[in-house]
């Protein structure tokens, strides 16, 4: 199996069930037995890692360790998830929950933008941040900018810098916060690389997690009052 195929298999496993549950099933609750099954080369890692207080960095550490295990080629999906969990100090589900909680807290605490369009869409951004698919996005490595990114100098104009949630909230199909959900653009699917949006008419548009516009984007909650006038 190729490196890319192994990474995709691991990511699929992450979406089907919790990483912690997968490890318990694989090891039957016997941590020592699981260590032995991994082999001596994989046991040489730092003991008792501490979870990074920034969930974004902790999730990045988790995914980097998954990639290393996938590249090794001789590690099962369950063992790779267990190794990444130990390295990051928490399961993928715990890290994803922390990340979504932080995103929501940032949005709720964000000063009301002077930009009228952004100000009118803040309730929809908060609503989007509470949707279940945000946990999948966090598990799959979607970052602050990939979801809530916006251009600091021209937030309403530079649409190539819009993150996924920003794109959904600012869609012309989402005319008002009170609009019926059936009449809004919605997320049809999401994976580690791409999200597919669906309009009320059934048309689809794709958005890449790693867009060139994100190089100059910042999370919407980090905009200064001067930026929010644009």
C-alpha atoms as a PDB file:
ATOM      1  CA  UNK A   1       0.000   0.000   0.000  1.00  0.00           C
ATOM      2  CA  UNK A   2       1.368   3.437  -0.924  1.00  0.00           C
ATOM      3  CA  UNK A   3       2.147   6.130   1.647  1.00  0.00           C
ATOM      4  CA  UNK A   4      -0.819   8.231   0.502  1.00  0.00           C
ATOM      5  CA  UNK A   5      -3.132   5.222   0.692  1.00  0.00           C
ATOM      6  CA  UNK A   6      -2.011   4.482   4.258  1.00  0.00           C
ATOM      7  CA  UNK A   7      -2.599   8.097   5.318  1.00  0.00           C
ATOM      8  CA  UNK A   8      -6.094   7.990   3.796  1.00  0.00           C
ATOM      9  CA  UNK A   9      -6.819   4.689   5.539  1.00  0.00           C
ATOM     10  CA  UNK A  10      -5.798   6.197   8.868  1.00  0.00           C
ATOM     11  CA  UNK A  11      -7.909   9.304   8.247  1.00  0.00           C
ATOM     12  CA  UNK A  12     -10.890   7.115   7.362  1.00  0.00           C
ATOM     13  CA  UNK A  13     -10.427   5.231  10.626  1.00  0.00           C
ATOM     14  CA  UNK A  14     -10.382   8.537  12.497  1.00  0.00           C
ATOM     15  CA  UNK A  15     -13.764   9.488  11.062  1.00  0.00           C
ATOM     16  CA  UNK A  16     -15.428   6.113  11.692  1.00  0.00           C
ATOM     17  CA  UNK A  17     -14.719   5.925  15.403  1.00  0.00           C
ATOM     18  CA  UNK A  18     -12.761   7.400  18.229  1.00  0.00           C
ATOM     19  CA  UNK A  19      -9.027   6.895  18.278  1.00  0.00           C
ATOM     20  CA  UNK A  20      -9.090   5.923  21.925  1.00  0.00           C
ATOM     21  CA  UNK A  21     -11.674   3.202  21.310  1.00  0.00           C
ATOM     22  CA  UNK A  22      -9.671   1.845  18.402  1.00  0.00           C
ATOM     23  CA  UNK A  23      -6.590   1.538  20.596  1.00  0.00           C
ATOM     24  CA  UNK A  24      -8.463  -0.242  23.375  1.00  0.00           C
ATOM     25  CA  UNK A  25      -9.953  -2.703  20.873  1.00  0.00           C
ATOM     26  CA  UNK A  26      -6.550  -3.387  19.339  1.00  0.00           C
ATOM     27  CA  UNK A  27      -4.789  -3.885  22.661  1.00  0.00           C
ATOM     28  CA  UNK A  28      -7.635  -5.403  24.715  1.00  0.00           C
ATOM     29  CA  UNK A  29      -6.827  -2.826  27.391  1.00  0.00           C
ATOM     30  CA  UNK A  30      -3.287  -4.174  27.782  1.00  0.00           C
ATOM     31  CA  UNK A  31      -0.919  -1.264  27.225  1.00  0.00           C
ATOM     32  CA  UNK A  32       2.187  -3.373  27.828  1.00  0.00           C
ATOM     33  CA  UNK A  33       1.073  -5.936  25.259  1.00  0.00           C
ATOM     34  CA  UNK A  34       0.420  -3.190  22.752  1.00  0.00           C
ATOM     35  CA  UNK A  35       3.919  -1.786  23.328  1.00  0.00           C
ATOM     36  CA  UNK A  36       5.431  -5.183  22.645  1.00  0.00           C
ATOM     37  CA  UNK A  37       3.436  -5.553  19.447  1.00  0.00           C
ATOM     38  CA  UNK A  38       4.816  -2.295  18.108  1.00  0.00           C
ATOM     39  CA  UNK A  39       8.395  -3.495  18.160  1.00  0.00           C
ATOM     40  CA  UNK A  40      11.540  -2.081  19.780  1.00  0.00           C
ATOM     41  CA  UNK A  41      12.104   0.591  17.132  1.00  0.00           C
ATOM     42  CA  UNK A  42       8.741   2.214  17.881  1.00  0.00           C
ATOM     43  CA  UNK A  43       9.130   2.134  21.665  1.00  0.00           C
ATOM     44  CA  UNK A  44      11.915   4.753  21.744  1.00  0.00           C
ATOM     45  CA  UNK A  45       9.831   7.846  22.376  1.00  0.00           C
ATOM     46  CA  UNK A  46       9.462  10.324  25.213  1.00  0.00           C
ATOM     47  CA  UNK A  47       7.429   9.093  28.204  1.00  0.00           C
ATOM     48  CA  UNK A  48       4.381  10.886  29.610  1.00  0.00           C
ATOM     49  CA  UNK A  49       4.004  13.644  26.992  1.00  0.00           C
ATOM     50  CA  UNK A  50       2.166  16.791  28.031  1.00  0.00           C
ATOM     51  CA  UNK A  51      -0.754  18.009  25.940  1.00  0.00           C
ATOM     52  CA  UNK A  52       0.040  21.321  24.266  1.00  0.00           C
ATOM     53  CA  UNK A  53      -2.360  23.966  25.644  1.00  0.00           C
ATOM     54  CA  UNK A  54      -2.981  25.152  22.076  1.00  0.00           C
ATOM     55  CA  UNK A  55      -5.270  22.494  20.532  1.00  0.00           C
ATOM     56  CA  UNK A  56      -4.230  23.525  17.017  1.00  0.00           C
ATOM     57  CA  UNK A  57      -0.583  22.709  17.753  1.00  0.00           C
ATOM     58  CA  UNK A  58      -1.535  19.485  19.558  1.00  0.00           C
ATOM     59  CA  UNK A  59      -3.611  18.393  16.549  1.00  0.00           C
ATOM     60  CA  UNK A  60      -0.723  19.230  14.234  1.00  0.00           C
ATOM     61  CA  UNK A  61       1.563  17.053  16.384  1.00  0.00           C
ATOM     62  CA  UNK A  62      -1.002  14.240  16.197  1.00  0.00           C
ATOM     63  CA  UNK A  63      -1.204  14.369  12.399  1.00  0.00           C
ATOM     64  CA  UNK A  64       2.563  14.619  11.983  1.00  0.00           C
ATOM     65  CA  UNK A  65       3.004  11.443  14.038  1.00  0.00           C
ATOM     66  CA  UNK A  66       0.323   9.703  11.955  1.00  0.00           C
ATOM     67  CA  UNK A  67       2.221  10.630   8.802  1.00  0.00           C
ATOM     68  CA  UNK A  68       5.468   9.231  10.251  1.00  0.00           C
ATOM     69  CA  UNK A  69       3.731   5.963  11.126  1.00  0.00           C
ATOM     70  CA  UNK A  70       2.166   5.758   7.664  1.00  0.00           C
ATOM     71  CA  UNK A  71       5.556   6.328   6.039  1.00  0.00           C
ATOM     72  CA  UNK A  72       7.077   3.542   8.124  1.00  0.00           C
ATOM     73  CA  UNK A  73       4.747   1.149   6.309  1.00  0.00           C
ATOM     74  CA  UNK A  74       4.757  -1.610   8.953  1.00  0.00           C
ATOM     75  CA  UNK A  75       2.380  -0.075  11.527  1.00  0.00           C
ATOM     76  CA  UNK A  76      -1.293  -1.003  11.668  1.00  0.00           C
ATOM     77  CA  UNK A  77      -3.956   1.701  11.639  1.00  0.00           C
ATOM     78  CA  UNK A  78      -4.893   0.987  15.261  1.00  0.00           C
ATOM     79  CA  UNK A  79      -1.269   1.135  16.401  1.00  0.00           C
ATOM     80  CA  UNK A  80      -0.609   4.322  14.424  1.00  0.00           C
ATOM     81  CA  UNK A  81      -3.561   5.995  16.136  1.00  0.00           C
ATOM     82  CA  UNK A  82      -2.322   4.795  19.518  1.00  0.00           C
ATOM     83  CA  UNK A  83       1.195   6.108  18.894  1.00  0.00           C
ATOM     84  CA  UNK A  84      -0.144   9.489  17.730  1.00  0.00           C
ATOM     85  CA  UNK A  85      -2.388   9.654  20.800  1.00  0.00           C
ATOM     86  CA  UNK A  86       0.593   9.070  23.106  1.00  0.00           C
ATOM     87  CA  UNK A  87       2.707  11.608  21.238  1.00  0.00           C
ATOM     88  CA  UNK A  88       0.038  14.341  21.372  1.00  0.00           C
ATOM     89  CA  UNK A  89      -0.937  13.479  24.950  1.00  0.00           C
ATOM     90  CA  UNK A  90      -4.638  13.033  24.157  1.00  0.00           C
ATOM     91  CA  UNK A  91      -6.939  11.234  21.751  1.00  0.00           C
ATOM     92  CA  UNK A  92      -7.977  12.793  18.467  1.00  0.00           C
ATOM     93  CA  UNK A  93     -11.531  13.158  19.782  1.00  0.00           C
ATOM     94  CA  UNK A  94     -10.401  15.024  22.901  1.00  0.00           C
ATOM     95  CA  UNK A  95      -8.158  17.319  20.870  1.00  0.00           C
ATOM     96  CA  UNK A  96     -10.917  17.989  18.332  1.00  0.00           C
ATOM     97  CA  UNK A  97     -13.376  18.860  21.102  1.00  0.00           C
ATOM     98  CA  UNK A  98     -10.877  21.293  22.601  1.00  0.00           C
ATOM     99  CA  UNK A  99     -10.295  22.869  19.215  1.00  0.00           C
ATOM    100  CA  UNK A 100     -13.997  23.360  18.452  1.00  0.00           C
ATOM    101  CA  UNK A 101     -14.553  24.779  21.948  1.00  0.00           C
ATOM    102  CA  UNK A 102     -11.753  27.276  21.351  1.00  0.00           C
ATOM    103  CA  UNK A 103     -13.144  28.278  17.929  1.00  0.00           C
ATOM    104  CA  UNK A 104     -16.567  28.908  19.423  1.00  0.00           C
ATOM    105  CA  UNK A 105     -15.100  30.898  22.312  1.00  0.00           C
ATOM    106  CA  UNK A 106     -13.156  33.110  19.888  1.00  0.00           C
ATOM    107  CA  UNK A 107     -16.277  33.819  17.827  1.00  0.00           C
ATOM    108  CA  UNK A 108     -18.475  34.579  20.833  1.00  0.00           C
ATOM    109  CA  UNK A 109     -15.858  36.914  22.355  1.00  0.00           C
ATOM    110  CA  UNK A 110     -15.067  38.656  19.056  1.00  0.00           C
ATOM    111  CA  UNK A 111     -15.945  42.387  19.108  1.00  0.00           C
ATOM    112  CA  UNK A 112     -18.844  43.230  16.841  1.00  0.00           C
ATOM    113  CA  UNK A 113     -17.283  44.190  13.480  1.00  0.00           C
ATOM    114  CA  UNK A 114     -17.814  47.719  12.184  1.00  0.00           C
ATOM    115  CA  UNK A 115     -18.155  46.138   8.761  1.00  0.00           C
ATOM    116  CA  UNK A 116     -21.930  45.763   8.471  1.00  0.00           C
ATOM    117  CA  UNK A 117     -21.817  42.606   6.383  1.00  0.00           C
ATOM    118  CA  UNK A 118     -19.498  40.833   8.804  1.00  0.00           C
ATOM    119  CA  UNK A 119     -21.483  42.085  11.791  1.00  0.00           C
ATOM    120  CA  UNK A 120     -24.722  40.700  10.339  1.00  0.00           C
ATOM    121  CA  UNK A 121     -23.092  37.312   9.749  1.00  0.00           C
ATOM    122  CA  UNK A 122     -21.578  36.789  13.191  1.00  0.00           C
ATOM    123  CA  UNK A 123     -24.667  34.884  14.466  1.00  0.00           C
ATOM    124  CA  UNK A 124     -24.374  32.525  11.496  1.00  0.00           C
ATOM    125  CA  UNK A 125     -20.669  32.000  12.146  1.00  0.00           C
ATOM    126  CA  UNK A 126     -21.456  31.068  15.747  1.00  0.00           C
ATOM    127  CA  UNK A 127     -24.190  28.719  14.515  1.00  0.00           C
ATOM    128  CA  UNK A 128     -21.787  27.092  12.030  1.00  0.00           C
ATOM    129  CA  UNK A 129     -19.198  26.640  14.809  1.00  0.00           C
ATOM    130  CA  UNK A 130     -21.784  24.616  16.743  1.00  0.00           C
ATOM    131  CA  UNK A 131     -22.520  22.207  13.892  1.00  0.00           C
ATOM    132  CA  UNK A 132     -21.335  18.581  14.301  1.00  0.00           C
ATOM    133  CA  UNK A 133     -19.184  18.594  11.160  1.00  0.00           C
ATOM    134  CA  UNK A 134     -16.770  21.038  12.844  1.00  0.00           C
ATOM    135  CA  UNK A 135     -15.505  18.088  14.900  1.00  0.00           C
ATOM    136  CA  UNK A 136     -14.754  16.202  11.689  1.00  0.00           C
ATOM    137  CA  UNK A 137     -12.948  19.256  10.334  1.00  0.00           C
ATOM    138  CA  UNK A 138     -10.818  19.468  13.479  1.00  0.00           C
ATOM    139  CA  UNK A 139     -10.024  15.738  13.362  1.00  0.00           C
ATOM    140  CA  UNK A 140      -8.993  16.031   9.721  1.00  0.00           C
ATOM    141  CA  UNK A 141      -6.609  18.933  10.285  1.00  0.00           C
ATOM    142  CA  UNK A 142      -8.598  21.951   9.063  1.00  0.00           C
ATOM    143  CA  UNK A 143      -6.980  24.993  10.653  1.00  0.00           C
ATOM    144  CA  UNK A 144      -8.258  28.309  12.045  1.00  0.00           C
ATOM    145  CA  UNK A 145      -7.552  29.983   8.708  1.00  0.00           C
ATOM    146  CA  UNK A 146      -8.899  27.142   6.556  1.00  0.00           C
ATOM    147  CA  UNK A 147     -12.241  27.490   8.340  1.00  0.00           C
ATOM    148  CA  UNK A 148     -12.457  31.075   9.590  1.00  0.00           C
ATOM    149  CA  UNK A 149      -9.806  32.843   7.532  1.00  0.00           C
ATOM    150  CA  UNK A 150     -10.347  36.266   6.004  1.00  0.00           C
ATOM    151  CA  UNK A 151      -8.140  38.924   4.404  1.00  0.00           C
ATOM    152  CA  UNK A 152      -7.084  41.516   7.026  1.00  0.00           C
ATOM    153  CA  UNK A 153      -7.101  44.437   4.591  1.00  0.00           C
ATOM    154  CA  UNK A 154     -10.142  43.646   2.460  1.00  0.00           C
ATOM    155  CA  UNK A 155     -12.272  41.062   4.295  1.00  0.00           C
ATOM    156  CA  UNK A 156     -15.366  41.496   2.131  1.00  0.00           C
ATOM    157  CA  UNK A 157     -13.566  41.586  -1.225  1.00  0.00           C
ATOM    158  CA  UNK A 158     -10.699  39.085  -1.161  1.00  0.00           C
ATOM    159  CA  UNK A 159     -12.875  35.988  -1.380  1.00  0.00           C
ATOM    160  CA  UNK A 160      -9.903  33.756  -2.196  1.00  0.00           C
ATOM    161  CA  UNK A 161      -8.884  34.227   1.445  1.00  0.00           C
ATOM    162  CA  UNK A 162     -12.225  33.140   2.895  1.00  0.00           C
ATOM    163  CA  UNK A 163     -12.170  30.025   5.028  1.00  0.00           C
ATOM    164  CA  UNK A 164     -14.891  27.405   4.691  1.00  0.00           C
ATOM    165  CA  UNK A 165     -17.138  28.745   7.470  1.00  0.00           C
ATOM    166  CA  UNK A 166     -16.676  32.321   6.235  1.00  0.00           C
ATOM    167  CA  UNK A 167     -17.614  31.230   2.721  1.00  0.00           C
ATOM    168  CA  UNK A 168     -20.765  29.569   4.042  1.00  0.00           C
ATOM    169  CA  UNK A 169     -21.777  32.538   6.205  1.00  0.00           C
ATOM    170  CA  UNK A 170     -21.142  35.145   3.495  1.00  0.00           C
ATOM    171  CA  UNK A 171     -22.790  33.133   0.730  1.00  0.00           C
ATOM    172  CA  UNK A 172     -25.548  35.113  -1.038  1.00  0.00           C
ATOM    173  CA  UNK A 173     -27.814  32.128  -0.354  1.00  0.00           C
ATOM    174  CA  UNK A 174     -27.549  32.928   3.374  1.00  0.00           C
ATOM    175  CA  UNK A 175     -29.327  36.255   3.169  1.00  0.00           C
ATOM    176  CA  UNK A 176     -30.291  36.501   6.839  1.00  0.00           C
ATOM    177  CA  UNK A 177     -29.807  34.640  10.139  1.00  0.00           C
ATOM    178  CA  UNK A 178     -33.537  33.827  10.214  1.00  0.00           C
ATOM    179  CA  UNK A 179     -33.504  32.173   6.808  1.00  0.00           C
ATOM    180  CA  UNK A 180     -34.674  28.547   6.805  1.00  0.00           C
ATOM    181  CA  UNK A 181     -31.766  26.093   6.840  1.00  0.00           C
ATOM    182  CA  UNK A 182     -33.185  24.262   3.826  1.00  0.00           C
ATOM    183  CA  UNK A 183     -32.665  27.469   1.832  1.00  0.00           C
ATOM    184  CA  UNK A 184     -29.031  27.944   2.832  1.00  0.00           C
ATOM    185  CA  UNK A 185     -25.785  26.676   1.379  1.00  0.00           C
ATOM    186  CA  UNK A 186     -24.735  23.603   3.336  1.00  0.00           C
ATOM    187  CA  UNK A 187     -21.750  21.334   3.707  1.00  0.00           C
ATOM    188  CA  UNK A 188     -22.260  18.159   1.703  1.00  0.00           C
ATOM    189  CA  UNK A 189     -18.965  16.433   2.531  1.00  0.00           C
ATOM    190  CA  UNK A 190     -15.523  17.073   3.971  1.00  0.00           C
ATOM    191  CA  UNK A 191     -12.258  15.143   4.013  1.00  0.00           C
ATOM    192  CA  UNK A 192      -8.633  15.934   4.774  1.00  0.00           C
ATOM    193  CA  UNK A 193      -8.156  17.869   1.531  1.00  0.00           C
ATOM    194  CA  UNK A 194     -11.498  19.080   0.189  1.00  0.00           C
ATOM    195  CA  UNK A 195     -14.919  20.302   1.264  1.00  0.00           C
ATOM    196  CA  UNK A 196     -17.976  20.217  -0.990  1.00  0.00           C
ATOM    197  CA  UNK A 197     -20.704  22.829  -0.555  1.00  0.00           C
ATOM    198  CA  UNK A 198     -24.231  22.430  -1.888  1.00  0.00           C
ATOM    199  CA  UNK A 199     -26.593  25.302  -2.738  1.00  0.00           C
ATOM    200  CA  UNK A 200     -30.385  25.065  -2.341  1.00  0.00           C
ATOM    201  CA  UNK A 201     -30.642  24.330  -6.077  1.00  0.00           C
ATOM    202  CA  UNK A 202     -28.332  21.325  -5.714  1.00  0.00           C
ATOM    203  CA  UNK A 203     -25.266  22.895  -7.349  1.00  0.00           C
ATOM    204  CA  UNK A 204     -21.918  21.890  -5.862  1.00  0.00           C
ATOM    205  CA  UNK A 205     -18.697  23.816  -5.317  1.00  0.00           C
ATOM    206  CA  UNK A 206     -15.386  22.451  -4.040  1.00  0.00           C
ATOM    207  CA  UNK A 207     -13.014  24.156  -1.658  1.00  0.00           C
ATOM    208  CA  UNK A 208      -9.459  23.044  -0.894  1.00  0.00           C
ATOM    209  CA  UNK A 209      -8.160  22.944   2.662  1.00  0.00           C
ATOM    210  CA  UNK A 210      -4.806  24.348   1.505  1.00  0.00           C
ATOM    211  CA  UNK A 211      -5.685  27.336  -0.667  1.00  0.00           C
ATOM    212  CA  UNK A 212      -3.045  29.793  -1.883  1.00  0.00           C
ATOM    213  CA  UNK A 213      -5.154  32.654  -0.506  1.00  0.00           C
ATOM    214  CA  UNK A 214      -4.675  31.394   3.046  1.00  0.00           C
ATOM    215  CA  UNK A 215      -1.046  32.565   2.987  1.00  0.00           C
ATOM    216  CA  UNK A 216      -2.231  36.120   3.699  1.00  0.00           C
ATOM    217  CA  UNK A 217      -5.431  35.308   5.603  1.00  0.00           C
ATOM    218  CA  UNK A 218      -5.984  35.576   9.354  1.00  0.00           C
ATOM    219  CA  UNK A 219      -8.761  34.171  11.582  1.00  0.00           C
ATOM    220  CA  UNK A 220     -11.727  36.525  11.594  1.00  0.00           C
ATOM    221  CA  UNK A 221     -11.504  37.028  15.375  1.00  0.00           C
ATOM    222  CA  UNK A 222      -7.961  38.425  15.059  1.00  0.00           C
ATOM    223  CA  UNK A 223      -8.985  41.380  12.894  1.00  0.00           C
ATOM    224  CA  UNK A 224      -8.394  44.772  14.497  1.00  0.00           C
ATOM    225  CA  UNK A 225     -11.135  47.460  14.604  1.00  0.00           C
ATOM    226  CA  UNK A 226      -9.350  49.288  11.777  1.00  0.00           C
ATOM    227  CA  UNK A 227      -9.456  46.177   9.598  1.00  0.00           C
ATOM    228  CA  UNK A 228     -13.103  45.593  10.405  1.00  0.00           C
ATOM    229  CA  UNK A 229     -14.012  48.914   8.815  1.00  0.00           C
ATOM    230  CA  UNK A 230     -13.144  47.555   5.358  1.00  0.00           C
END
